[in-house]
Amino acid sequence: MASSSGGSSGSGNGGRRSSGSEEDQEAERKRRRMQSNRESARRSRLRKQKHLDDLTAQITRLMNHKNQIVANMNAAANLCVSLETENSILRAQMTELTHRLQYLNDIVTFVESMTAGGDFGNNGFDEEDYYPWDSPFANEY
């Protein structure tokens, strides 16, 4: 015996029960699912925005760090050029002083060899021919 009191499925509603309560429950489940999906999408958007903000902040920090490194490198390069220039000057001065020292040592050796006999005339040295102020470095003392 077929009863039309909602317990049977009719051909007009696609096999669903025609109970208003079940349709209301289905509509409520659909509404809750849609609300849940909206909240999930909102949380996902917030996570993505936070991630984007974090990446932007990281870019700013890294750019600042890079700028500091570049500034340090430029300062080090300038210091290196300055030290190379000073080193070059010191090497030139060392060479000049080495030549002066050698020249003075040659003079000392010559004078010692001339005075070894005790008499300038005995060694062929004439005092009038030796004038130290005529040396190439005389003006620098």
C-alpha atoms as a PDB file:
ATOM      1  CA  MET A   1       0.000   0.000   0.000  1.00  0.00           C
ATOM      2  CA  ALA A   2       1.414   3.190  -1.164  1.00  0.00           C
ATOM      3  CA  SER A   3       0.983   6.111   1.090  1.00  0.00           C
ATOM      4  CA  SER A   4       1.492   9.724   0.104  1.00  0.00           C
ATOM      5  CA  SER A   5       2.460  10.863   3.537  1.00  0.00           C
ATOM      6  CA  GLY A   6       6.106  11.651   2.701  1.00  0.00           C
ATOM      7  CA  GLY A   7       7.476   8.173   3.308  1.00  0.00           C
ATOM      8  CA  SER A   8       7.552   7.259  -0.342  1.00  0.00           C
ATOM      9  CA  SER A   9       9.528   8.773  -3.148  1.00  0.00           C
ATOM     10  CA  GLY A  10       7.659  10.119  -6.080  1.00  0.00           C
ATOM     11  CA  SER A  11       8.880  10.414  -9.620  1.00  0.00           C
ATOM     12  CA  GLY A  12       8.529  14.240  -9.707  1.00  0.00           C
ATOM     13  CA  ASN A  13      11.179  15.058  -7.103  1.00  0.00           C
ATOM     14  CA  GLY A  14      14.036  12.877  -8.375  1.00  0.00           C
ATOM     15  CA  GLY A  15      13.951  10.280  -5.671  1.00  0.00           C
ATOM     16  CA  ARG A  16      14.131  12.728  -2.790  1.00  0.00           C
ATOM     17  CA  ARG A  17      11.810  12.789   0.073  1.00  0.00           C
ATOM     18  CA  SER A  18       9.455  15.641  -0.135  1.00  0.00           C
ATOM     19  CA  SER A  19       9.623  16.384   3.552  1.00  0.00           C
ATOM     20  CA  GLY A  20      10.071  20.093   4.296  1.00  0.00           C
ATOM     21  CA  SER A  21      12.250  19.265   7.251  1.00  0.00           C
ATOM     22  CA  GLU A  22      14.792  17.372   5.142  1.00  0.00           C
ATOM     23  CA  GLU A  23      14.902  20.156   2.581  1.00  0.00           C
ATOM     24  CA  ASP A  24      15.432  22.657   5.371  1.00  0.00           C
ATOM     25  CA  GLN A  25      18.217  20.530   6.795  1.00  0.00           C
ATOM     26  CA  GLU A  26      19.815  20.216   3.349  1.00  0.00           C
ATOM     27  CA  ALA A  27      19.556  23.977   2.824  1.00  0.00           C
ATOM     28  CA  GLU A  28      21.064  24.581   6.270  1.00  0.00           C
ATOM     29  CA  ARG A  29      23.964  22.187   5.530  1.00  0.00           C
ATOM     30  CA  LYS A  30      24.536  23.933   2.199  1.00  0.00           C
ATOM     31  CA  ARG A  31      24.428  27.347   3.903  1.00  0.00           C
ATOM     32  CA  ARG A  32      26.902  26.204   6.619  1.00  0.00           C
ATOM     33  CA  ARG A  33      29.189  24.671   3.978  1.00  0.00           C
ATOM     34  CA  MET A  34      29.153  27.902   1.978  1.00  0.00           C
ATOM     35  CA  GLN A  35      29.856  29.923   5.128  1.00  0.00           C
ATOM     36  CA  SER A  36      32.681  27.552   6.056  1.00  0.00           C
ATOM     37  CA  ASN A  37      34.123  27.837   2.560  1.00  0.00           C
ATOM     38  CA  ARG A  38      33.932  31.645   2.745  1.00  0.00           C
ATOM     39  CA  GLU A  39      35.750  31.633   6.100  1.00  0.00           C
ATOM     40  CA  SER A  40      38.354  29.214   4.770  1.00  0.00           C
ATOM     41  CA  ALA A  41      38.895  31.410   1.700  1.00  0.00           C
ATOM     42  CA  ARG A  42      39.149  34.494   3.952  1.00  0.00           C
ATOM     43  CA  ARG A  43      41.758  32.765   6.159  1.00  0.00           C
ATOM     44  CA  SER A  44      43.649  31.674   3.056  1.00  0.00           C
ATOM     45  CA  ARG A  45      43.665  35.264   1.746  1.00  0.00           C
ATOM     46  CA  LEU A  46      44.876  36.512   5.121  1.00  0.00           C
ATOM     47  CA  ARG A  47      47.675  33.905   5.180  1.00  0.00           C
ATOM     48  CA  LYS A  48      48.716  34.881   1.665  1.00  0.00           C
ATOM     49  CA  GLN A  49      48.670  38.593   2.585  1.00  0.00           C
ATOM     50  CA  LYS A  50      50.737  37.917   5.725  1.00  0.00           C
ATOM     51  CA  HIS A  51      53.207  35.882   3.681  1.00  0.00           C
ATOM     52  CA  LEU A  52      53.429  38.709   1.132  1.00  0.00           C
ATOM     53  CA  ASP A  53      53.975  41.254   3.932  1.00  0.00           C
ATOM     54  CA  ASP A  54      56.657  39.042   5.475  1.00  0.00           C
ATOM     55  CA  LEU A  55      58.420  38.710   2.119  1.00  0.00           C
ATOM     56  CA  THR A  56      58.230  42.477   1.568  1.00  0.00           C
ATOM     57  CA  ALA A  57      59.745  43.089   5.015  1.00  0.00           C
ATOM     58  CA  GLN A  58      62.464  40.532   4.287  1.00  0.00           C
ATOM     59  CA  ILE A  59      63.248  42.263   0.986  1.00  0.00           C
ATOM     60  CA  THR A  60      63.578  45.577   2.819  1.00  0.00           C
ATOM     61  CA  ARG A  61      65.881  44.046   5.445  1.00  0.00           C
ATOM     62  CA  LEU A  62      68.015  42.339   2.797  1.00  0.00           C
ATOM     63  CA  MET A  63      68.271  45.510   0.708  1.00  0.00           C
ATOM     64  CA  ASN A  64      69.391  47.460   3.795  1.00  0.00           C
ATOM     65  CA  HIS A  65      71.915  44.762   4.616  1.00  0.00           C
ATOM     66  CA  LYS A  66      73.172  44.772   1.020  1.00  0.00           C
ATOM     67  CA  ASN A  67      73.543  48.565   1.121  1.00  0.00           C
ATOM     68  CA  GLN A  68      75.577  48.290   4.332  1.00  0.00           C
ATOM     69  CA  ILE A  69      77.806  45.656   2.758  1.00  0.00           C
ATOM     70  CA  VAL A  70      78.310  47.791  -0.359  1.00  0.00           C
ATOM     71  CA  ALA A  71      79.172  50.813   1.817  1.00  0.00           C
ATOM     72  CA  ASN A  72      81.671  48.693   3.782  1.00  0.00           C
ATOM     73  CA  MET A  73      83.183  47.387   0.559  1.00  0.00           C
ATOM     74  CA  ASN A  74      83.553  50.925  -0.812  1.00  0.00           C
ATOM     75  CA  ALA A  75      85.185  52.085   2.417  1.00  0.00           C
ATOM     76  CA  ALA A  76      87.550  49.096   2.322  1.00  0.00           C
ATOM     77  CA  ALA A  77      88.397  49.772  -1.339  1.00  0.00           C
ATOM     78  CA  ASN A  78      89.133  53.432  -0.562  1.00  0.00           C
ATOM     79  CA  LEU A  79      91.299  52.411   2.378  1.00  0.00           C
ATOM     80  CA  CYS A  80      93.103  49.894   0.171  1.00  0.00           C
ATOM     81  CA  VAL A  81      93.866  52.570  -2.449  1.00  0.00           C
ATOM     82  CA  SER A  82      95.083  54.911   0.280  1.00  0.00           C
ATOM     83  CA  LEU A  83      97.311  52.230   1.799  1.00  0.00           C
ATOM     84  CA  GLU A  84      98.690  51.252  -1.610  1.00  0.00           C
ATOM     85  CA  THR A  85      99.570  54.903  -2.268  1.00  0.00           C
ATOM     86  CA  GLU A  86     101.226  55.246   1.129  1.00  0.00           C
ATOM     87  CA  ASN A  87     103.063  51.954   0.596  1.00  0.00           C
ATOM     88  CA  SER A  88     104.343  53.162  -2.770  1.00  0.00           C
ATOM     89  CA  ILE A  89     105.608  56.394  -1.209  1.00  0.00           C
ATOM     90  CA  LEU A  90     107.294  54.482   1.613  1.00  0.00           C
ATOM     91  CA  ARG A  91     108.962  52.117  -0.853  1.00  0.00           C
ATOM     92  CA  ALA A  92     110.302  55.066  -2.859  1.00  0.00           C
ATOM     93  CA  GLN A  93     111.596  56.674   0.342  1.00  0.00           C
ATOM     94  CA  MET A  94     113.194  53.388   1.380  1.00  0.00           C
ATOM     95  CA  THR A  95     114.932  53.099  -1.988  1.00  0.00           C
ATOM     96  CA  GLU A  96     116.178  56.680  -1.753  1.00  0.00           C
ATOM     97  CA  LEU A  97     117.413  56.194   1.815  1.00  0.00           C
ATOM     98  CA  THR A  98     119.082  52.917   0.853  1.00  0.00           C
ATOM     99  CA  HIS A  99     120.967  54.736  -1.926  1.00  0.00           C
ATOM    100  CA  ARG A 100     121.945  57.527   0.489  1.00  0.00           C
ATOM    101  CA  LEU A 101     123.157  55.001   3.028  1.00  0.00           C
ATOM    102  CA  GLN A 102     125.181  53.173   0.380  1.00  0.00           C
ATOM    103  CA  TYR A 103     126.673  56.478  -0.782  1.00  0.00           C
ATOM    104  CA  LEU A 104     127.599  57.427   2.795  1.00  0.00           C
ATOM    105  CA  ASN A 105     129.043  53.970   3.436  1.00  0.00           C
ATOM    106  CA  ASP A 106     131.141  54.348   0.278  1.00  0.00           C
ATOM    107  CA  ILE A 107     132.418  57.701   1.576  1.00  0.00           C
ATOM    108  CA  VAL A 108     133.235  56.202   4.980  1.00  0.00           C
ATOM    109  CA  THR A 109     135.038  53.278   3.349  1.00  0.00           C
ATOM    110  CA  PHE A 110     136.966  55.638   1.098  1.00  0.00           C
ATOM    111  CA  VAL A 111     137.938  57.922   3.981  1.00  0.00           C
ATOM    112  CA  GLU A 112     138.954  54.970   6.106  1.00  0.00           C
ATOM    113  CA  SER A 113     141.067  53.557   3.300  1.00  0.00           C
ATOM    114  CA  MET A 114     142.739  56.959   2.798  1.00  0.00           C
ATOM    115  CA  THR A 115     143.432  57.496   6.473  1.00  0.00           C
ATOM    116  CA  ALA A 116     144.697  53.987   7.105  1.00  0.00           C
ATOM    117  CA  GLY A 117     148.282  55.111   6.557  1.00  0.00           C
ATOM    118  CA  GLY A 118     147.859  58.118   8.841  1.00  0.00           C
ATOM    119  CA  ASP A 119     148.769  60.636   6.127  1.00  0.00           C
ATOM    120  CA  PHE A 120     146.502  61.773   3.299  1.00  0.00           C
ATOM    121  CA  GLY A 121     149.465  62.301   1.030  1.00  0.00           C
ATOM    122  CA  ASN A 122     150.721  58.734   1.426  1.00  0.00           C
ATOM    123  CA  ASN A 123     147.533  57.259  -0.031  1.00  0.00           C
ATOM    124  CA  GLY A 124     147.191  59.594  -3.004  1.00  0.00           C
ATOM    125  CA  PHE A 125     144.299  61.500  -1.478  1.00  0.00           C
ATOM    126  CA  ASP A 126     144.266  65.244  -1.755  1.00  0.00           C
ATOM    127  CA  GLU A 127     142.050  66.939   0.844  1.00  0.00           C
ATOM    128  CA  GLU A 128     141.234  69.769  -1.526  1.00  0.00           C
ATOM    129  CA  ASP A 129     139.611  67.346  -3.990  1.00  0.00           C
ATOM    130  CA  TYR A 130     137.116  65.987  -1.467  1.00  0.00           C
ATOM    131  CA  TYR A 131     134.139  68.201  -0.707  1.00  0.00           C
ATOM    132  CA  PRO A 132     131.207  66.321   0.863  1.00  0.00           C
ATOM    133  CA  TRP A 133     128.823  69.184   0.123  1.00  0.00           C
ATOM    134  CA  ASP A 134     129.215  68.346  -3.565  1.00  0.00           C
ATOM    135  CA  SER A 135     127.466  65.003  -3.081  1.00  0.00           C
ATOM    136  CA  PRO A 136     124.212  64.391  -5.001  1.00  0.00           C
ATOM    137  CA  PHE A 137     122.329  64.283  -1.684  1.00  0.00           C
ATOM    138  CA  ALA A 138     123.925  67.336  -0.015  1.00  0.00           C
ATOM    139  CA  ASN A 139     120.821  69.518  -0.421  1.00  0.00           C
ATOM    140  CA  GLU A 140     118.590  66.975   1.319  1.00  0.00           C
ATOM    141  CA  TYR A 141     120.321  66.995   4.734  1.00  0.00           C
END
